[in-house]
Amino acid sequence: MKLKSHSGTKKRVKVRASGKMTFNKSAKRHLLINKSRRQKNKFKFGMPVTDTLKGTIKKLLPGTKIK
């Protein structure tokens, strides 16, 4: 039987061609005038997923080539 991947994780995690995963941090939609430039520019293209979360995401996204 085929395993279904978790649709919430599909929307939030991006798997790069190298197999590394990234996700976007929160707090970047509104009230940006109160935040510093460094805080807004940090991880502009997605934050790398830590090693502790990789195992969980592998279970939620079966069939993807994750390194």
PDB file of N, CA and C in Angstrom:
ATOM      1  N   MET A   1       0.832  -1.182   0.000  1.00  0.00           N
ATOM      2  CA  MET A   1       0.000   0.000   0.000  1.00  0.00           C
ATOM      3  C   MET A   1       0.880   1.251   0.000  1.00  0.00           C
ATOM      4  N   LYS A   2       0.477   2.241  -0.780  1.00  0.00           N
ATOM      5  CA  LYS A   2       1.258   3.479  -0.855  1.00  0.00           C
ATOM      6  C   LYS A   2       1.084   4.301   0.410  1.00  0.00           C
ATOM      7  N   LEU A   3       2.158   4.977   0.823  1.00  0.00           N
ATOM      8  CA  LEU A   3       2.089   5.870   1.968  1.00  0.00           C
ATOM      9  C   LEU A   3       1.816   7.284   1.489  1.00  0.00           C
ATOM     10  N   LYS A   4       0.919   7.967   2.179  1.00  0.00           N
ATOM     11  CA  LYS A   4       0.617   9.344   1.821  1.00  0.00           C
ATOM     12  C   LYS A   4       1.556  10.275   2.575  1.00  0.00           C
ATOM     13  N   SER A   5       1.980  11.331   1.902  1.00  0.00           N
ATOM     14  CA  SER A   5       2.841  12.304   2.563  1.00  0.00           C
ATOM     15  C   SER A   5       1.979  13.344   3.264  1.00  0.00           C
ATOM     16  N   HIS A   6       2.500  13.914   4.322  1.00  0.00           N
ATOM     17  CA  HIS A   6       1.798  14.877   5.149  1.00  0.00           C
ATOM     18  C   HIS A   6       1.676  16.197   4.388  1.00  0.00           C
ATOM     19  N   SER A   7       0.441  16.631   4.114  1.00  0.00           N
ATOM     20  CA  SER A   7       0.238  17.791   3.241  1.00  0.00           C
ATOM     21  C   SER A   7       0.720  19.088   3.887  1.00  0.00           C
ATOM     22  N   GLY A   8       0.649  19.195   5.208  1.00  0.00           N
ATOM     23  CA  GLY A   8       1.148  20.394   5.881  1.00  0.00           C
ATOM     24  C   GLY A   8       2.653  20.507   5.773  1.00  0.00           C
ATOM     25  N   THR A   9       3.344  19.390   5.847  1.00  0.00           N
ATOM     26  CA  THR A   9       4.799  19.386   5.716  1.00  0.00           C
ATOM     27  C   THR A   9       5.209  19.674   4.277  1.00  0.00           C
ATOM     28  N   LYS A  10       4.450  19.167   3.310  1.00  0.00           N
ATOM     29  CA  LYS A  10       4.737  19.438   1.894  1.00  0.00           C
ATOM     30  C   LYS A  10       4.723  20.925   1.614  1.00  0.00           C
ATOM     31  N   LYS A  11       3.796  21.643   2.249  1.00  0.00           N
ATOM     32  CA  LYS A  11       3.658  23.073   2.008  1.00  0.00           C
ATOM     33  C   LYS A  11       4.760  23.877   2.675  1.00  0.00           C
ATOM     34  N   ARG A  12       5.300  23.371   3.772  1.00  0.00           N
ATOM     35  CA  ARG A  12       6.217  24.160   4.585  1.00  0.00           C
ATOM     36  C   ARG A  12       7.692  23.865   4.353  1.00  0.00           C
ATOM     37  N   VAL A  13       8.015  22.646   3.939  1.00  0.00           N
ATOM     38  CA  VAL A  13       9.414  22.239   3.790  1.00  0.00           C
ATOM     39  C   VAL A  13       9.741  22.103   2.310  1.00  0.00           C
ATOM     40  N   LYS A  14      10.884  22.664   1.916  1.00  0.00           N
ATOM     41  CA  LYS A  14      11.330  22.581   0.528  1.00  0.00           C
ATOM     42  C   LYS A  14      12.566  21.690   0.500  1.00  0.00           C
ATOM     43  N   VAL A  15      12.536  20.657  -0.331  1.00  0.00           N
ATOM     44  CA  VAL A  15      13.684  19.763  -0.470  1.00  0.00           C
ATOM     45  C   VAL A  15      14.474  20.227  -1.690  1.00  0.00           C
ATOM     46  N   ARG A  16      15.724  20.616  -1.486  1.00  0.00           N
ATOM     47  CA  ARG A  16      16.575  21.113  -2.563  1.00  0.00           C
ATOM     48  C   ARG A  16      17.072  19.947  -3.422  1.00  0.00           C
ATOM     49  N   ALA A  17      17.700  20.269  -4.542  1.00  0.00           N
ATOM     50  CA  ALA A  17      18.202  19.237  -5.452  1.00  0.00           C
ATOM     51  C   ALA A  17      19.292  18.396  -4.798  1.00  0.00           C
ATOM     52  N   SER A  18      20.043  19.003  -3.868  1.00  0.00           N
ATOM     53  CA  SER A  18      21.100  18.269  -3.181  1.00  0.00           C
ATOM     54  C   SER A  18      20.551  17.319  -2.124  1.00  0.00           C
ATOM     55  N   GLY A  19      19.257  17.452  -1.784  1.00  0.00           N
ATOM     56  CA  GLY A  19      18.652  16.612  -0.758  1.00  0.00           C
ATOM     57  C   GLY A  19      18.522  17.316   0.567  1.00  0.00           C
ATOM     58  N   LYS A  20      19.076  18.526   0.674  1.00  0.00           N
ATOM     59  CA  LYS A  20      18.955  19.294   1.909  1.00  0.00           C
ATOM     60  C   LYS A  20      17.586  19.949   1.970  1.00  0.00           C
ATOM     61  N   MET A  21      17.109  20.146   3.179  1.00  0.00           N
ATOM     62  CA  MET A  21      15.779  20.712   3.365  1.00  0.00           C
ATOM     63  C   MET A  21      15.860  22.113   3.957  1.00  0.00           C
ATOM     64  N   THR A  22      14.929  22.971   3.550  1.00  0.00           N
ATOM     65  CA  THR A  22      14.824  24.317   4.117  1.00  0.00           C
ATOM     66  C   THR A  22      13.369  24.618   4.408  1.00  0.00           C
ATOM     67  N   PHE A  23      13.147  25.556   5.321  1.00  0.00           N
ATOM     68  CA  PHE A  23      11.804  26.034   5.614  1.00  0.00           C
ATOM     69  C   PHE A  23      11.893  27.515   5.939  1.00  0.00           C
ATOM     70  N   ASN A  24      10.782  28.217   5.774  1.00  0.00           N
ATOM     71  CA  ASN A  24      10.752  29.645   6.044  1.00  0.00           C
ATOM     72  C   ASN A  24      10.324  29.901   7.477  1.00  0.00           C
ATOM     73  N   LYS A  25      11.001  30.834   8.117  1.00  0.00           N
ATOM     74  CA  LYS A  25      10.672  31.201   9.485  1.00  0.00           C
ATOM     75  C   LYS A  25       9.413  32.055   9.498  1.00  0.00           C
ATOM     76  N   SER A  26       8.798  32.116  10.658  1.00  0.00           N
ATOM     77  CA  SER A  26       7.589  32.911  10.812  1.00  0.00           C
ATOM     78  C   SER A  26       7.958  34.371  11.122  1.00  0.00           C
ATOM     79  N   ALA A  27       6.951  35.192  11.336  1.00  0.00           N
ATOM     80  CA  ALA A  27       7.082  36.604  11.719  1.00  0.00           C
ATOM     81  C   ALA A  27       7.701  37.455  10.618  1.00  0.00           C
ATOM     82  N   LYS A  28       7.323  37.203   9.368  1.00  0.00           N
ATOM     83  CA  LYS A  28       7.828  38.020   8.266  1.00  0.00           C
ATOM     84  C   LYS A  28       6.700  38.556   7.395  1.00  0.00           C
ATOM     85  N   ARG A  29       5.476  38.559   7.891  1.00  0.00           N
ATOM     86  CA  ARG A  29       4.326  38.958   7.082  1.00  0.00           C
ATOM     87  C   ARG A  29       3.864  40.391   7.382  1.00  0.00           C
ATOM     88  N   HIS A  30       3.845  40.760   8.646  1.00  0.00           N
ATOM     89  CA  HIS A  30       3.355  42.093   9.001  1.00  0.00           C
ATOM     90  C   HIS A  30       4.097  42.578  10.234  1.00  0.00           C
ATOM     91  N   LEU A  31       3.870  43.821  10.618  1.00  0.00           N
ATOM     92  CA  LEU A  31       4.565  44.475  11.741  1.00  0.00           C
ATOM     93  C   LEU A  31       6.076  44.474  11.512  1.00  0.00           C
ATOM     94  N   LEU A  32       6.508  44.669  10.275  1.00  0.00           N
ATOM     95  CA  LEU A  32       7.920  44.586   9.935  1.00  0.00           C
ATOM     96  C   LEU A  32       8.676  45.855  10.309  1.00  0.00           C
ATOM     97  N   ILE A  33       7.963  46.948  10.545  1.00  0.00           N
ATOM     98  CA  ILE A  33       8.630  48.203  10.890  1.00  0.00           C
ATOM     99  C   ILE A  33       9.291  48.106  12.269  1.00  0.00           C
ATOM    100  N   ASN A  34       8.785  47.221  13.112  1.00  0.00           N
ATOM    101  CA  ASN A  34       9.330  47.052  14.464  1.00  0.00           C
ATOM    102  C   ASN A  34      10.548  46.137  14.502  1.00  0.00           C
ATOM    103  N   LYS A  35      10.810  45.428  13.414  1.00  0.00           N
ATOM    104  CA  LYS A  35      11.912  44.466  13.395  1.00  0.00           C
ATOM    105  C   LYS A  35      13.130  45.069  12.720  1.00  0.00           C
ATOM    106  N   SER A  36      14.301  44.640  13.135  1.00  0.00           N
ATOM    107  CA  SER A  36      15.544  45.161  12.585  1.00  0.00           C
ATOM    108  C   SER A  36      15.786  44.591  11.183  1.00  0.00           C
ATOM    109  N   ARG A  37      16.649  45.261  10.442  1.00  0.00           N
ATOM    110  CA  ARG A  37      16.987  44.811   9.084  1.00  0.00           C
ATOM    111  C   ARG A  37      17.649  43.447   9.133  1.00  0.00           C
ATOM    112  N   ARG A  38      18.496  43.230  10.136  1.00  0.00           N
ATOM    113  CA  ARG A  38      19.183  41.945  10.286  1.00  0.00           C
ATOM    114  C   ARG A  38      18.182  40.824  10.523  1.00  0.00           C
ATOM    115  N   GLN A  39      17.183  41.094  11.343  1.00  0.00           N
ATOM    116  CA  GLN A  39      16.181  40.084  11.652  1.00  0.00           C
ATOM    117  C   GLN A  39      15.353  39.736  10.417  1.00  0.00           C
ATOM    118  N   LYS A  40      15.082  40.722   9.564  1.00  0.00           N
ATOM    119  CA  LYS A  40      14.285  40.479   8.369  1.00  0.00           C
ATOM    120  C   LYS A  40      15.089  39.812   7.262  1.00  0.00           C
ATOM    121  N   ASN A  41      16.384  40.117   7.165  1.00  0.00           N
ATOM    122  CA  ASN A  41      17.204  39.584   6.084  1.00  0.00           C
ATOM    123  C   ASN A  41      17.800  38.216   6.389  1.00  0.00           C
ATOM    124  N   LYS A  42      17.842  37.845   7.655  1.00  0.00           N
ATOM    125  CA  LYS A  42      18.448  36.576   8.038  1.00  0.00           C
ATOM    126  C   LYS A  42      17.611  35.427   7.472  1.00  0.00           C
ATOM    127  N   PHE A  43      18.263  34.497   6.812  1.00  0.00           N
ATOM    128  CA  PHE A  43      17.625  33.330   6.197  1.00  0.00           C
ATOM    129  C   PHE A  43      16.536  33.762   5.217  1.00  0.00           C
ATOM    130  N   LYS A  44      16.901  34.662   4.324  1.00  0.00           N
ATOM    131  CA  LYS A  44      15.951  35.180   3.340  1.00  0.00           C
ATOM    132  C   LYS A  44      15.439  34.070   2.426  1.00  0.00           C
ATOM    133  N   PHE A  45      16.296  33.107   2.115  1.00  0.00           N
ATOM    134  CA  PHE A  45      15.927  32.046   1.184  1.00  0.00           C
ATOM    135  C   PHE A  45      15.630  30.733   1.889  1.00  0.00           C
ATOM    136  N   GLY A  46      15.290  30.788   3.147  1.00  0.00           N
ATOM    137  CA  GLY A  46      14.926  29.590   3.880  1.00  0.00           C
ATOM    138  C   GLY A  46      16.002  29.167   4.855  1.00  0.00           C
ATOM    139  N   MET A  47      15.561  28.718   5.996  1.00  0.00           N
ATOM    140  CA  MET A  47      16.465  28.279   7.054  1.00  0.00           C
ATOM    141  C   MET A  47      16.693  26.779   6.912  1.00  0.00           C
ATOM    142  N   PRO A  48      17.932  26.318   7.051  1.00  0.00           N
ATOM    143  CA  PRO A  48      18.166  24.867   6.940  1.00  0.00           C
ATOM    144  C   PRO A  48      17.534  24.102   8.100  1.00  0.00           C
ATOM    145  N   VAL A  49      17.053  22.914   7.810  1.00  0.00           N
ATOM    146  CA  VAL A  49      16.422  22.065   8.820  1.00  0.00           C
ATOM    147  C   VAL A  49      17.516  21.418   9.663  1.00  0.00           C
ATOM    148  N   THR A  50      17.327  21.404  10.973  1.00  0.00           N
ATOM    149  CA  THR A  50      18.320  20.830  11.868  1.00  0.00           C
ATOM    150  C   THR A  50      18.285  19.302  11.808  1.00  0.00           C
ATOM    151  N   ASP A  51      19.343  18.689  12.307  1.00  0.00           N
ATOM    152  CA  ASP A  51      19.457  17.227  12.282  1.00  0.00           C
ATOM    153  C   ASP A  51      18.387  16.556  13.139  1.00  0.00           C
ATOM    154  N   THR A  52      17.943  17.233  14.201  1.00  0.00           N
ATOM    155  CA  THR A  52      16.943  16.633  15.078  1.00  0.00           C
ATOM    156  C   THR A  52      15.586  16.523  14.396  1.00  0.00           C
ATOM    157  N   LEU A  53      15.285  17.435  13.476  1.00  0.00           N
ATOM    158  CA  LEU A  53      14.004  17.398  12.790  1.00  0.00           C
ATOM    159  C   LEU A  53      14.015  16.540  11.525  1.00  0.00           C
ATOM    160  N   LYS A  54      15.199  16.205  11.028  1.00  0.00           N
ATOM    161  CA  LYS A  54      15.289  15.462   9.767  1.00  0.00           C
ATOM    162  C   LYS A  54      14.588  14.109   9.838  1.00  0.00           C
ATOM    163  N   GLY A  55      14.738  13.416  10.933  1.00  0.00           N
ATOM    164  CA  GLY A  55      14.106  12.106  11.077  1.00  0.00           C
ATOM    165  C   GLY A  55      12.592  12.201  11.060  1.00  0.00           C
ATOM    166  N   THR A  56      12.061  13.222  11.717  1.00  0.00           N
ATOM    167  CA  THR A  56      10.616  13.418  11.741  1.00  0.00           C
ATOM    168  C   THR A  56      10.085  13.740  10.362  1.00  0.00           C
ATOM    169  N   ILE A  57      10.799  14.608   9.645  1.00  0.00           N
ATOM    170  CA  ILE A  57      10.345  15.010   8.317  1.00  0.00           C
ATOM    171  C   ILE A  57      10.462  13.854   7.330  1.00  0.00           C
ATOM    172  N   LYS A  58      11.456  12.993   7.502  1.00  0.00           N
ATOM    173  CA  LYS A  58      11.581  11.812   6.634  1.00  0.00           C
ATOM    174  C   LYS A  58      10.365  10.901   6.775  1.00  0.00           C
ATOM    175  N   LYS A  59       9.844  10.795   8.005  1.00  0.00           N
ATOM    176  CA  LYS A  59       8.659   9.973   8.223  1.00  0.00           C
ATOM    177  C   LYS A  59       7.412  10.621   7.618  1.00  0.00           C
ATOM    178  N   LEU A  60       7.349  11.944   7.672  1.00  0.00           N
ATOM    179  CA  LEU A  60       6.179  12.650   7.166  1.00  0.00           C
ATOM    180  C   LEU A  60       6.164  12.749   5.642  1.00  0.00           C
ATOM    181  N   LEU A  61       7.337  12.674   5.013  1.00  0.00           N
ATOM    182  CA  LEU A  61       7.438  12.763   3.556  1.00  0.00           C
ATOM    183  C   LEU A  61       8.082  11.496   2.989  1.00  0.00           C
ATOM    184  N   PRO A  62       7.365  10.373   2.984  1.00  0.00           N
ATOM    185  CA  PRO A  62       7.968   9.161   2.438  1.00  0.00           C
ATOM    186  C   PRO A  62       8.123   9.257   0.931  1.00  0.00           C
ATOM    187  N   GLY A  63       9.194   8.682   0.408  1.00  0.00           N
ATOM    188  CA  GLY A  63       9.407   8.679  -1.020  1.00  0.00           C
ATOM    189  C   GLY A  63      10.275   9.821  -1.530  1.00  0.00           C
ATOM    190  N   THR A  64      10.567  10.823  -0.693  1.00  0.00           N
ATOM    191  CA  THR A  64      11.443  11.911  -1.130  1.00  0.00           C
ATOM    192  C   THR A  64      12.878  11.564  -0.804  1.00  0.00           C
ATOM    193  N   LYS A  65      13.787  12.021  -1.633  1.00  0.00           N
ATOM    194  CA  LYS A  65      15.200  11.721  -1.435  1.00  0.00           C
ATOM    195  C   LYS A  65      15.817  12.785  -0.545  1.00  0.00           C
ATOM    196  N   ILE A  66      15.849  12.511   0.754  1.00  0.00           N
ATOM    197  CA  ILE A  66      16.351  13.438   1.756  1.00  0.00           C
ATOM    198  C   ILE A  66      17.681  12.926   2.268  1.00  0.00           C
ATOM    199  N   LYS A  67      18.657  13.829   2.325  1.00  0.00           N
ATOM    200  CA  LYS A  67      19.985  13.461   2.852  1.00  0.00           C
ATOM    201  C   LYS A  67      20.159  14.011   4.236  1.00  0.00           C
TER     202      LYS A  67
END
